[in-house]
Amino acid sequence: TEVNLLKKLQNNNYVVKFAEHKYYQNTLTLVTDICNH
C-alpha cells in the first residue's frame, strides 16, 4: 500500500517523491528523494 500510494502521489509537492523499490529476501528497500533538514 505504501509503495502504491507513493507512486500515485509521485508528483505531489507535499509528499516525499518515490524513486524505486525492491523486495529482497526478508527486506523491503524503498528509495525516495532525500530531505535535508
PDB file of all heavy atoms in Angstrom:
ATOM      1  N   THR A   1       0.833  -1.204   0.000  1.00  0.00           N
ATOM      2  CA  THR A   1       0.000   0.000   0.000  1.00  0.00           C
ATOM      3  C   THR A   1       0.866   1.252   0.000  1.00  0.00           C
ATOM      4  O   THR A   1       0.606   2.209  -0.731  1.00  0.00           O
ATOM      5  CB  THR A   1      -0.939   0.014   1.222  1.00  0.00           C
ATOM      6  OG1 THR A   1      -1.867  -1.070   1.111  1.00  0.00           O
ATOM      7  CG2 THR A   1      -1.708   1.327   1.310  1.00  0.00           C
ATOM      8  N   GLU A   2       1.919   1.261   0.826  1.00  0.00           N
ATOM      9  CA  GLU A   2       2.815   2.420   0.856  1.00  0.00           C
ATOM     10  C   GLU A   2       3.428   2.671  -0.512  1.00  0.00           C
ATOM     11  O   GLU A   2       3.445   3.801  -1.009  1.00  0.00           O
ATOM     12  CB  GLU A   2       3.924   2.228   1.885  1.00  0.00           C
ATOM     13  CG  GLU A   2       4.936   3.374   1.837  1.00  0.00           C
ATOM     14  CD  GLU A   2       5.946   3.365   2.956  1.00  0.00           C
ATOM     15  OE1 GLU A   2       6.387   2.283   3.344  1.00  0.00           O
ATOM     16  OE2 GLU A   2       6.282   4.462   3.437  1.00  0.00           O
ATOM     17  N   VAL A   3       3.929   1.615  -1.139  1.00  0.00           N
ATOM     18  CA  VAL A   3       4.556   1.754  -2.458  1.00  0.00           C
ATOM     19  C   VAL A   3       3.553   2.297  -3.464  1.00  0.00           C
ATOM     20  O   VAL A   3       3.851   3.228  -4.231  1.00  0.00           O
ATOM     21  CB  VAL A   3       5.126   0.398  -2.923  1.00  0.00           C
ATOM     22  CG1 VAL A   3       5.584   0.489  -4.376  1.00  0.00           C
ATOM     23  CG2 VAL A   3       6.284  -0.023  -2.036  1.00  0.00           C
ATOM     24  N   ASN A   4       2.355   1.742  -3.489  1.00  0.00           N
ATOM     25  CA  ASN A   4       1.341   2.156  -4.465  1.00  0.00           C
ATOM     26  C   ASN A   4       0.894   3.599  -4.251  1.00  0.00           C
ATOM     27  O   ASN A   4       0.690   4.356  -5.218  1.00  0.00           O
ATOM     28  CB  ASN A   4       0.135   1.217  -4.396  1.00  0.00           C
ATOM     29  CG  ASN A   4       0.457  -0.183  -4.890  1.00  0.00           C
ATOM     30  OD1 ASN A   4       1.356  -0.366  -5.720  1.00  0.00           O
ATOM     31  ND2 ASN A   4      -0.242  -1.183  -4.381  1.00  0.00           N
ATOM     32  N   LEU A   5       0.741   3.999  -2.990  1.00  0.00           N
ATOM     33  CA  LEU A   5       0.336   5.375  -2.711  1.00  0.00           C
ATOM     34  C   LEU A   5       1.438   6.361  -3.095  1.00  0.00           C
ATOM     35  O   LEU A   5       1.157   7.427  -3.663  1.00  0.00           O
ATOM     36  CB  LEU A   5      -0.021   5.529  -1.230  1.00  0.00           C
ATOM     37  CG  LEU A   5      -1.332   4.881  -0.784  1.00  0.00           C
ATOM     38  CD1 LEU A   5      -1.496   4.982   0.733  1.00  0.00           C
ATOM     39  CD2 LEU A   5      -2.532   5.524  -1.489  1.00  0.00           C
ATOM     40  N   LEU A   6       2.681   6.018  -2.816  1.00  0.00           N
ATOM     41  CA  LEU A   6       3.791   6.899  -3.187  1.00  0.00           C
ATOM     42  C   LEU A   6       3.878   7.049  -4.702  1.00  0.00           C
ATOM     43  O   LEU A   6       4.187   8.130  -5.212  1.00  0.00           O
ATOM     44  CB  LEU A   6       5.106   6.360  -2.629  1.00  0.00           C
ATOM     45  CG  LEU A   6       5.336   6.575  -1.137  1.00  0.00           C
ATOM     46  CD1 LEU A   6       6.615   5.884  -0.684  1.00  0.00           C
ATOM     47  CD2 LEU A   6       5.410   8.058  -0.803  1.00  0.00           C
ATOM     48  N   LYS A   7       3.611   5.976  -5.427  1.00  0.00           N
ATOM     49  CA  LYS A   7       3.614   6.060  -6.892  1.00  0.00           C
ATOM     50  C   LYS A   7       2.517   7.007  -7.385  1.00  0.00           C
ATOM     51  O   LYS A   7       2.738   7.827  -8.282  1.00  0.00           O
ATOM     52  CB  LYS A   7       3.416   4.670  -7.498  1.00  0.00           C
ATOM     53  CG  LYS A   7       4.635   3.760  -7.383  1.00  0.00           C
ATOM     54  CD  LYS A   7       4.351   2.408  -8.004  1.00  0.00           C
ATOM     55  CE  LYS A   7       5.575   1.507  -7.942  1.00  0.00           C
ATOM     56  NZ  LYS A   7       5.296   0.164  -8.534  1.00  0.00           N
ATOM     57  N   LYS A   8       1.330   6.908  -6.788  1.00  0.00           N
ATOM     58  CA  LYS A   8       0.219   7.757  -7.196  1.00  0.00           C
ATOM     59  C   LYS A   8       0.449   9.223  -6.825  1.00  0.00           C
ATOM     60  O   LYS A   8      -0.071  10.126  -7.486  1.00  0.00           O
ATOM     61  CB  LYS A   8      -1.079   7.257  -6.568  1.00  0.00           C
ATOM     62  CG  LYS A   8      -1.552   5.918  -7.117  1.00  0.00           C
ATOM     63  CD  LYS A   8      -2.817   5.443  -6.412  1.00  0.00           C
ATOM     64  CE  LYS A   8      -3.275   4.095  -6.967  1.00  0.00           C
ATOM     65  NZ  LYS A   8      -4.501   3.600  -6.282  1.00  0.00           N
ATOM     66  N   LEU A   9       1.215   9.451  -5.755  1.00  0.00           N
ATOM     67  CA  LEU A   9       1.466  10.813  -5.277  1.00  0.00           C
ATOM     68  C   LEU A   9       2.851  11.313  -5.694  1.00  0.00           C
ATOM     69  O   LEU A   9       3.371  12.270  -5.130  1.00  0.00           O
ATOM     70  CB  LEU A   9       1.363  10.849  -3.749  1.00  0.00           C
ATOM     71  CG  LEU A   9      -0.035  10.555  -3.174  1.00  0.00           C
ATOM     72  CD1 LEU A   9       0.060  10.274  -1.678  1.00  0.00           C
ATOM     73  CD2 LEU A   9      -0.977  11.718  -3.441  1.00  0.00           C
ATOM     74  N   GLN A  10       3.417  10.687  -6.717  1.00  0.00           N
ATOM     75  CA  GLN A  10       4.802  10.951  -7.091  1.00  0.00           C
ATOM     76  C   GLN A  10       5.054  12.412  -7.476  1.00  0.00           C
ATOM     77  O   GLN A  10       6.134  12.946  -7.267  1.00  0.00           O
ATOM     78  CB  GLN A  10       5.211  10.036  -8.250  1.00  0.00           C
ATOM     79  CG  GLN A  10       6.692  10.080  -8.572  1.00  0.00           C
ATOM     80  CD  GLN A  10       7.097   8.946  -9.493  1.00  0.00           C
ATOM     81  OE1 GLN A  10       6.266   8.186  -9.967  1.00  0.00           O
ATOM     82  NE2 GLN A  10       8.383   8.815  -9.755  1.00  0.00           N
ATOM     83  N   ASN A  11       4.062  13.066  -8.050  1.00  0.00           N
ATOM     84  CA  ASN A  11       4.235  14.454  -8.486  1.00  0.00           C
ATOM     85  C   ASN A  11       3.686  15.455  -7.483  1.00  0.00           C
ATOM     86  O   ASN A  11       3.483  16.629  -7.814  1.00  0.00           O
ATOM     87  CB  ASN A  11       3.567  14.650  -9.850  1.00  0.00           C
ATOM     88  CG  ASN A  11       4.206  13.801 -10.935  1.00  0.00           C
ATOM     89  OD1 ASN A  11       5.427  13.689 -11.000  1.00  0.00           O
ATOM     90  ND2 ASN A  11       3.386  13.182 -11.777  1.00  0.00           N
ATOM     91  N   ASN A  12       3.462  14.987  -6.254  1.00  0.00           N
ATOM     92  CA  ASN A  12       2.910  15.840  -5.206  1.00  0.00           C
ATOM     93  C   ASN A  12       4.040  16.546  -4.455  1.00  0.00           C
ATOM     94  O   ASN A  12       4.995  15.915  -4.018  1.00  0.00           O
ATOM     95  CB  ASN A  12       2.085  14.974  -4.243  1.00  0.00           C
ATOM     96  CG  ASN A  12       1.298  15.785  -3.258  1.00  0.00           C
ATOM     97  OD1 ASN A  12       1.867  16.450  -2.416  1.00  0.00           O
ATOM     98  ND2 ASN A  12      -0.019  15.725  -3.339  1.00  0.00           N
ATOM     99  N   ASN A  13       3.931  17.849  -4.306  1.00  0.00           N
ATOM    100  CA  ASN A  13       4.983  18.632  -3.648  1.00  0.00           C
ATOM    101  C   ASN A  13       4.993  18.480  -2.133  1.00  0.00           C
ATOM    102  O   ASN A  13       5.931  18.940  -1.473  1.00  0.00           O
ATOM    103  CB  ASN A  13       4.823  20.114  -3.989  1.00  0.00           C
ATOM    104  CG  ASN A  13       5.138  20.405  -5.437  1.00  0.00           C
ATOM    105  OD1 ASN A  13       5.992  19.755  -6.041  1.00  0.00           O
ATOM    106  ND2 ASN A  13       4.444  21.370  -6.021  1.00  0.00           N
ATOM    107  N   TYR A  14       3.946  17.866  -1.566  1.00  0.00           N
ATOM    108  CA  TYR A  14       3.809  17.791  -0.117  1.00  0.00           C
ATOM    109  C   TYR A  14       4.076  16.392   0.431  1.00  0.00           C
ATOM    110  O   TYR A  14       3.860  16.123   1.603  1.00  0.00           O
ATOM    111  CB  TYR A  14       2.409  18.258   0.290  1.00  0.00           C
ATOM    112  CG  TYR A  14       2.019  19.550  -0.373  1.00  0.00           C
ATOM    113  CD1 TYR A  14       1.069  19.590  -1.385  1.00  0.00           C
ATOM    114  CD2 TYR A  14       2.643  20.751  -0.014  1.00  0.00           C
ATOM    115  CE1 TYR A  14       0.732  20.779  -2.009  1.00  0.00           C
ATOM    116  CE2 TYR A  14       2.314  21.944  -0.640  1.00  0.00           C
ATOM    117  CZ  TYR A  14       1.359  21.946  -1.640  1.00  0.00           C
ATOM    118  OH  TYR A  14       1.036  23.124  -2.265  1.00  0.00           O
ATOM    119  N   VAL A  15       4.556  15.504  -0.446  1.00  0.00           N
ATOM    120  CA  VAL A  15       4.835  14.108  -0.089  1.00  0.00           C
ATOM    121  C   VAL A  15       6.225  13.762  -0.605  1.00  0.00           C
ATOM    122  O   VAL A  15       6.656  14.259  -1.650  1.00  0.00           O
ATOM    123  CB  VAL A  15       3.780  13.171  -0.734  1.00  0.00           C
ATOM    124  CG1 VAL A  15       4.136  11.710  -0.508  1.00  0.00           C
ATOM    125  CG2 VAL A  15       2.391  13.474  -0.181  1.00  0.00           C
ATOM    126  N   VAL A  16       6.962  12.927   0.123  1.00  0.00           N
ATOM    127  CA  VAL A  16       8.276  12.501  -0.355  1.00  0.00           C
ATOM    128  C   VAL A  16       8.128  11.839  -1.726  1.00  0.00           C
ATOM    129  O   VAL A  16       7.203  11.074  -1.951  1.00  0.00           O
ATOM    130  CB  VAL A  16       8.969  11.535   0.639  1.00  0.00           C
ATOM    131  CG1 VAL A  16       9.372  12.252   1.908  1.00  0.00           C
ATOM    132  CG2 VAL A  16       8.090  10.341   0.958  1.00  0.00           C
ATOM    133  N   LYS A  17       9.039  12.148  -2.634  1.00  0.00           N
ATOM    134  CA  LYS A  17       8.931  11.686  -4.016  1.00  0.00           C
ATOM    135  C   LYS A  17       9.518  10.290  -4.175  1.00  0.00           C
ATOM    136  O   LYS A  17      10.675  10.023  -3.859  1.00  0.00           O
ATOM    137  CB  LYS A  17       9.635  12.669  -4.944  1.00  0.00           C
ATOM    138  CG  LYS A  17       9.390  12.395  -6.433  1.00  0.00           C
ATOM    139  CD  LYS A  17      10.020  13.464  -7.293  1.00  0.00           C
ATOM    140  CE  LYS A  17       9.375  14.806  -7.095  1.00  0.00           C
ATOM    141  NZ  LYS A  17       7.969  14.826  -7.539  1.00  0.00           N
ATOM    142  N   PHE A  18       8.707   9.378  -4.684  1.00  0.00           N
ATOM    143  CA  PHE A  18       9.093   7.982  -4.892  1.00  0.00           C
ATOM    144  C   PHE A  18      10.087   7.848  -6.046  1.00  0.00           C
ATOM    145  O   PHE A  18       9.972   8.517  -7.065  1.00  0.00           O
ATOM    146  CB  PHE A  18       7.841   7.157  -5.176  1.00  0.00           C
ATOM    147  CG  PHE A  18       8.110   5.725  -5.564  1.00  0.00           C
ATOM    148  CD1 PHE A  18       8.326   4.759  -4.588  1.00  0.00           C
ATOM    149  CD2 PHE A  18       8.145   5.346  -6.896  1.00  0.00           C
ATOM    150  CE1 PHE A  18       8.568   3.438  -4.938  1.00  0.00           C
ATOM    151  CE2 PHE A  18       8.381   4.028  -7.250  1.00  0.00           C
ATOM    152  CZ  PHE A  18       8.595   3.075  -6.271  1.00  0.00           C
ATOM    153  N   ALA A  19      11.085   6.945  -5.867  1.00  0.00           N
ATOM    154  CA  ALA A  19      12.035   6.649  -6.935  1.00  0.00           C
ATOM    155  C   ALA A  19      11.912   5.185  -7.383  1.00  0.00           C
ATOM    156  O   ALA A  19      11.620   4.905  -8.535  1.00  0.00           O
ATOM    157  CB  ALA A  19      13.460   6.958  -6.495  1.00  0.00           C
ATOM    158  N   GLU A  20      12.119   4.247  -6.465  1.00  0.00           N
ATOM    159  CA  GLU A  20      12.001   2.826  -6.796  1.00  0.00           C
ATOM    160  C   GLU A  20      11.950   1.997  -5.516  1.00  0.00           C
ATOM    161  O   GLU A  20      12.178   2.509  -4.417  1.00  0.00           O
ATOM    162  CB  GLU A  20      13.159   2.365  -7.679  1.00  0.00           C
ATOM    163  CG  GLU A  20      14.538   2.624  -7.099  1.00  0.00           C
ATOM    164  CD  GLU A  20      15.647   2.192  -8.040  1.00  0.00           C
ATOM    165  OE1 GLU A  20      15.619   1.030  -8.494  1.00  0.00           O
ATOM    166  OE2 GLU A  20      16.548   2.999  -8.326  1.00  0.00           O
ATOM    167  N   HIS A  21      11.645   0.701  -5.678  1.00  0.00           N
ATOM    168  CA  HIS A  21      11.620  -0.183  -4.515  1.00  0.00           C
ATOM    169  C   HIS A  21      12.009  -1.587  -4.938  1.00  0.00           C
ATOM    170  O   HIS A  21      11.992  -1.927  -6.125  1.00  0.00           O
ATOM    171  CB  HIS A  21      10.235  -0.195  -3.864  1.00  0.00           C
ATOM    172  CG  HIS A  21       9.244  -1.061  -4.579  1.00  0.00           C
ATOM    173  ND1 HIS A  21       8.692  -0.722  -5.806  1.00  0.00           N
ATOM    174  CD2 HIS A  21       8.697  -2.262  -4.249  1.00  0.00           C
ATOM    175  CE1 HIS A  21       7.860  -1.658  -6.201  1.00  0.00           C
ATOM    176  NE2 HIS A  21       7.834  -2.613  -5.277  1.00  0.00           N
ATOM    177  N   LYS A  22      12.344  -2.398  -3.951  1.00  0.00           N
ATOM    178  CA  LYS A  22      12.734  -3.771  -4.218  1.00  0.00           C
ATOM    179  C   LYS A  22      12.502  -4.634  -2.995  1.00  0.00           C
ATOM    180  O   LYS A  22      12.922  -4.285  -1.882  1.00  0.00           O
ATOM    181  CB  LYS A  22      14.220  -3.838  -4.601  1.00  0.00           C
ATOM    182  CG  LYS A  22      14.746  -5.236  -4.873  1.00  0.00           C
ATOM    183  CD  LYS A  22      14.207  -5.818  -6.163  1.00  0.00           C
ATOM    184  CE  LYS A  22      14.809  -7.184  -6.465  1.00  0.00           C
ATOM    185  NZ  LYS A  22      14.303  -7.749  -7.734  1.00  0.00           N
ATOM    186  N   TYR A  23      11.801  -5.764  -3.178  1.00  0.00           N
ATOM    187  CA  TYR A  23      11.731  -6.791  -2.144  1.00  0.00           C
ATOM    188  C   TYR A  23      12.903  -7.752  -2.369  1.00  0.00           C
ATOM    189  O   TYR A  23      13.141  -8.200  -3.495  1.00  0.00           O
ATOM    190  CB  TYR A  23      10.424  -7.575  -2.232  1.00  0.00           C
ATOM    191  CG  TYR A  23       9.224  -6.845  -1.696  1.00  0.00           C
ATOM    192  CD1 TYR A  23       8.298  -6.262  -2.558  1.00  0.00           C
ATOM    193  CD2 TYR A  23       8.998  -6.751  -0.323  1.00  0.00           C
ATOM    194  CE1 TYR A  23       7.183  -5.601  -2.067  1.00  0.00           C
ATOM    195  CE2 TYR A  23       7.899  -6.094   0.175  1.00  0.00           C
ATOM    196  CZ  TYR A  23       6.988  -5.527  -0.696  1.00  0.00           C
ATOM    197  OH  TYR A  23       5.888  -4.871  -0.207  1.00  0.00           O
ATOM    198  N   TYR A  24      13.643  -8.040  -1.307  1.00  0.00           N
ATOM    199  CA  TYR A  24      14.748  -8.990  -1.422  1.00  0.00           C
ATOM    200  C   TYR A  24      14.833  -9.793  -0.136  1.00  0.00           C
ATOM    201  O   TYR A  24      15.057  -9.223   0.938  1.00  0.00           O
ATOM    202  CB  TYR A  24      16.076  -8.273  -1.696  1.00  0.00           C
ATOM    203  CG  TYR A  24      17.245  -9.219  -1.848  1.00  0.00           C
ATOM    204  CD1 TYR A  24      17.446  -9.912  -3.040  1.00  0.00           C
ATOM    205  CD2 TYR A  24      18.137  -9.429  -0.791  1.00  0.00           C
ATOM    206  CE1 TYR A  24      18.505 -10.793  -3.180  1.00  0.00           C
ATOM    207  CE2 TYR A  24      19.206 -10.306  -0.931  1.00  0.00           C
ATOM    208  CZ  TYR A  24      19.383 -10.992  -2.133  1.00  0.00           C
ATOM    209  OH  TYR A  24      20.429 -11.863  -2.267  1.00  0.00           O
ATOM    210  N   GLN A  25      14.630 -11.094  -0.253  1.00  0.00           N
ATOM    211  CA  GLN A  25      14.644 -11.989   0.902  1.00  0.00           C
ATOM    212  C   GLN A  25      13.704 -11.449   1.978  1.00  0.00           C
ATOM    213  O   GLN A  25      12.511 -11.381   1.772  1.00  0.00           O
ATOM    214  CB  GLN A  25      16.086 -12.164   1.398  1.00  0.00           C
ATOM    215  CG  GLN A  25      16.978 -12.878   0.401  1.00  0.00           C
ATOM    216  CD  GLN A  25      18.390 -13.084   0.872  1.00  0.00           C
ATOM    217  OE1 GLN A  25      18.826 -12.536   1.881  1.00  0.00           O
ATOM    218  NE2 GLN A  25      19.151 -13.878   0.142  1.00  0.00           N
ATOM    219  N   ASN A  26      14.211 -11.021   3.125  1.00  0.00           N
ATOM    220  CA  ASN A  26      13.347 -10.590   4.228  1.00  0.00           C
ATOM    221  C   ASN A  26      13.354  -9.075   4.425  1.00  0.00           C
ATOM    222  O   ASN A  26      13.127  -8.591   5.541  1.00  0.00           O
ATOM    223  CB  ASN A  26      13.768 -11.279   5.529  1.00  0.00           C
ATOM    224  CG  ASN A  26      13.478 -12.766   5.492  1.00  0.00           C
ATOM    225  OD1 ASN A  26      12.371 -13.178   5.142  1.00  0.00           O
ATOM    226  ND2 ASN A  26      14.459 -13.577   5.840  1.00  0.00           N
ATOM    227  N   THR A  27      13.597  -8.330   3.342  1.00  0.00           N
ATOM    228  CA  THR A  27      13.607  -6.876   3.458  1.00  0.00           C
ATOM    229  C   THR A  27      12.846  -6.217   2.312  1.00  0.00           C
ATOM    230  O   THR A  27      12.715  -6.777   1.225  1.00  0.00           O
ATOM    231  CB  THR A  27      15.043  -6.309   3.454  1.00  0.00           C
ATOM    232  OG1 THR A  27      15.662  -6.608   2.190  1.00  0.00           O
ATOM    233  CG2 THR A  27      15.875  -6.884   4.578  1.00  0.00           C
ATOM    234  N   LEU A  28      12.340  -5.018   2.598  1.00  0.00           N
ATOM    235  CA  LEU A  28      11.843  -4.124   1.559  1.00  0.00           C
ATOM    236  C   LEU A  28      12.760  -2.913   1.551  1.00  0.00           C
ATOM    237  O   LEU A  28      13.021  -2.313   2.602  1.00  0.00           O
ATOM    238  CB  LEU A  28      10.412  -3.667   1.852  1.00  0.00           C
ATOM    239  CG  LEU A  28       9.939  -2.435   1.049  1.00  0.00           C
ATOM    240  CD1 LEU A  28       9.833  -2.764  -0.435  1.00  0.00           C
ATOM    241  CD2 LEU A  28       8.597  -1.923   1.568  1.00  0.00           C
ATOM    242  N   THR A  29      13.253  -2.560   0.385  1.00  0.00           N
ATOM    243  CA  THR A  29      14.070  -1.363   0.235  1.00  0.00           C
ATOM    244  C   THR A  29      13.283  -0.361  -0.600  1.00  0.00           C
ATOM    245  O   THR A  29      12.863  -0.666  -1.716  1.00  0.00           O
ATOM    246  CB  THR A  29      15.407  -1.689  -0.456  1.00  0.00           C
ATOM    247  OG1 THR A  29      16.093  -2.682   0.301  1.00  0.00           O
ATOM    248  CG2 THR A  29      16.272  -0.450  -0.550  1.00  0.00           C
ATOM    249  N   LEU A  30      13.069   0.827  -0.039  1.00  0.00           N
ATOM    250  CA  LEU A  30      12.252   1.860  -0.670  1.00  0.00           C
ATOM    251  C   LEU A  30      13.097   3.123  -0.831  1.00  0.00           C
ATOM    252  O   LEU A  30      13.649   3.635   0.142  1.00  0.00           O
ATOM    253  CB  LEU A  30      11.026   2.146   0.194  1.00  0.00           C
ATOM    254  CG  LEU A  30      10.028   3.178  -0.311  1.00  0.00           C
ATOM    255  CD1 LEU A  30       9.365   2.701  -1.600  1.00  0.00           C
ATOM    256  CD2 LEU A  30       8.963   3.431   0.743  1.00  0.00           C
ATOM    257  N   VAL A  31      13.213   3.600  -2.057  1.00  0.00           N
ATOM    258  CA  VAL A  31      14.065   4.751  -2.368  1.00  0.00           C
ATOM    259  C   VAL A  31      13.199   5.960  -2.708  1.00  0.00           C
ATOM    260  O   VAL A  31      12.299   5.872  -3.545  1.00  0.00           O
ATOM    261  CB  VAL A  31      15.005   4.441  -3.554  1.00  0.00           C
ATOM    262  CG1 VAL A  31      15.923   5.633  -3.846  1.00  0.00           C
ATOM    263  CG2 VAL A  31      15.830   3.192  -3.282  1.00  0.00           C
ATOM    264  N   THR A  32      13.464   7.087  -2.044  1.00  0.00           N
ATOM    265  CA  THR A  32      12.748   8.333  -2.305  1.00  0.00           C
ATOM    266  C   THR A  32      13.752   9.488  -2.361  1.00  0.00           C
ATOM    267  O   THR A  32      14.922   9.333  -2.020  1.00  0.00           O
ATOM    268  CB  THR A  32      11.712   8.641  -1.210  1.00  0.00           C
ATOM    269  OG1 THR A  32      12.399   8.860   0.043  1.00  0.00           O
ATOM    270  CG2 THR A  32      10.710   7.508  -1.049  1.00  0.00           C
ATOM    271  N   ASP A  33      13.268  10.652  -2.788  1.00  0.00           N
ATOM    272  CA  ASP A  33      14.095  11.853  -2.708  1.00  0.00           C
ATOM    273  C   ASP A  33      14.515  12.096  -1.265  1.00  0.00           C
ATOM    274  O   ASP A  33      13.762  11.798  -0.330  1.00  0.00           O
ATOM    275  CB  ASP A  33      13.304  13.071  -3.207  1.00  0.00           C
ATOM    276  CG  ASP A  33      13.502  13.306  -4.694  1.00  0.00           C
ATOM    277  OD1 ASP A  33      14.199  12.502  -5.334  1.00  0.00           O
ATOM    278  OD2 ASP A  33      12.957  14.297  -5.220  1.00  0.00           O
ATOM    279  N   ILE A  34      15.691  12.660  -1.101  1.00  0.00           N
ATOM    280  CA  ILE A  34      16.189  12.922   0.250  1.00  0.00           C
ATOM    281  C   ILE A  34      15.647  14.251   0.764  1.00  0.00           C
ATOM    282  O   ILE A  34      15.415  15.188  -0.013  1.00  0.00           O
ATOM    283  CB  ILE A  34      17.730  12.923   0.283  1.00  0.00           C
ATOM    284  CG1 ILE A  34      18.232  12.790   1.719  1.00  0.00           C
ATOM    285  CG2 ILE A  34      18.303  14.171  -0.400  1.00  0.00           C
ATOM    286  CD1 ILE A  34      19.696  12.428   1.820  1.00  0.00           C
ATOM    287  N   CYS A  35      15.377  14.311   2.048  1.00  0.00           N
ATOM    288  CA  CYS A  35      15.015  15.557   2.720  1.00  0.00           C
ATOM    289  C   CYS A  35      16.203  15.935   3.607  1.00  0.00           C
ATOM    290  O   CYS A  35      16.669  15.118   4.398  1.00  0.00           O
ATOM    291  CB  CYS A  35      13.744  15.390   3.543  1.00  0.00           C
ATOM    292  SG  CYS A  35      12.276  15.124   2.517  1.00  0.00           S
ATOM    293  N   ASN A  36      16.685  17.164   3.475  1.00  0.00           N
ATOM    294  CA  ASN A  36      17.974  17.541   4.042  1.00  0.00           C
ATOM    295  C   ASN A  36      17.912  18.228   5.399  1.00  0.00           C
ATOM    296  O   ASN A  36      18.921  18.731   5.886  1.00  0.00           O
ATOM    297  CB  ASN A  36      18.732  18.439   3.054  1.00  0.00           C
ATOM    298  CG  ASN A  36      17.983  19.733   2.747  1.00  0.00           C
ATOM    299  OD1 ASN A  36      17.036  20.105   3.444  1.00  0.00           O
ATOM    300  ND2 ASN A  36      18.395  20.419   1.692  1.00  0.00           N
ATOM    301  N   HIS A  37      16.709  18.264   6.015  1.00  0.00           N
ATOM    302  CA  HIS A  37      16.594  19.042   7.263  1.00  0.00           C
ATOM    303  C   HIS A  37      15.935  18.244   8.387  1.00  0.00           C
ATOM    304  O   HIS A  37      15.260  18.802   9.254  1.00  0.00           O
ATOM    305  CB  HIS A  37      15.803  20.324   6.985  1.00  0.00           C
ATOM    306  CG  HIS A  37      16.203  21.478   7.858  1.00  0.00           C
ATOM    307  ND1 HIS A  37      17.429  22.100   7.783  1.00  0.00           N
ATOM    308  CD2 HIS A  37      15.537  22.121   8.852  1.00  0.00           C
ATOM    309  CE1 HIS A  37      17.489  23.092   8.663  1.00  0.00           C
ATOM    310  NE2 HIS A  37      16.365  23.109   9.342  1.00  0.00           N
TER     311      HIS A  37
END
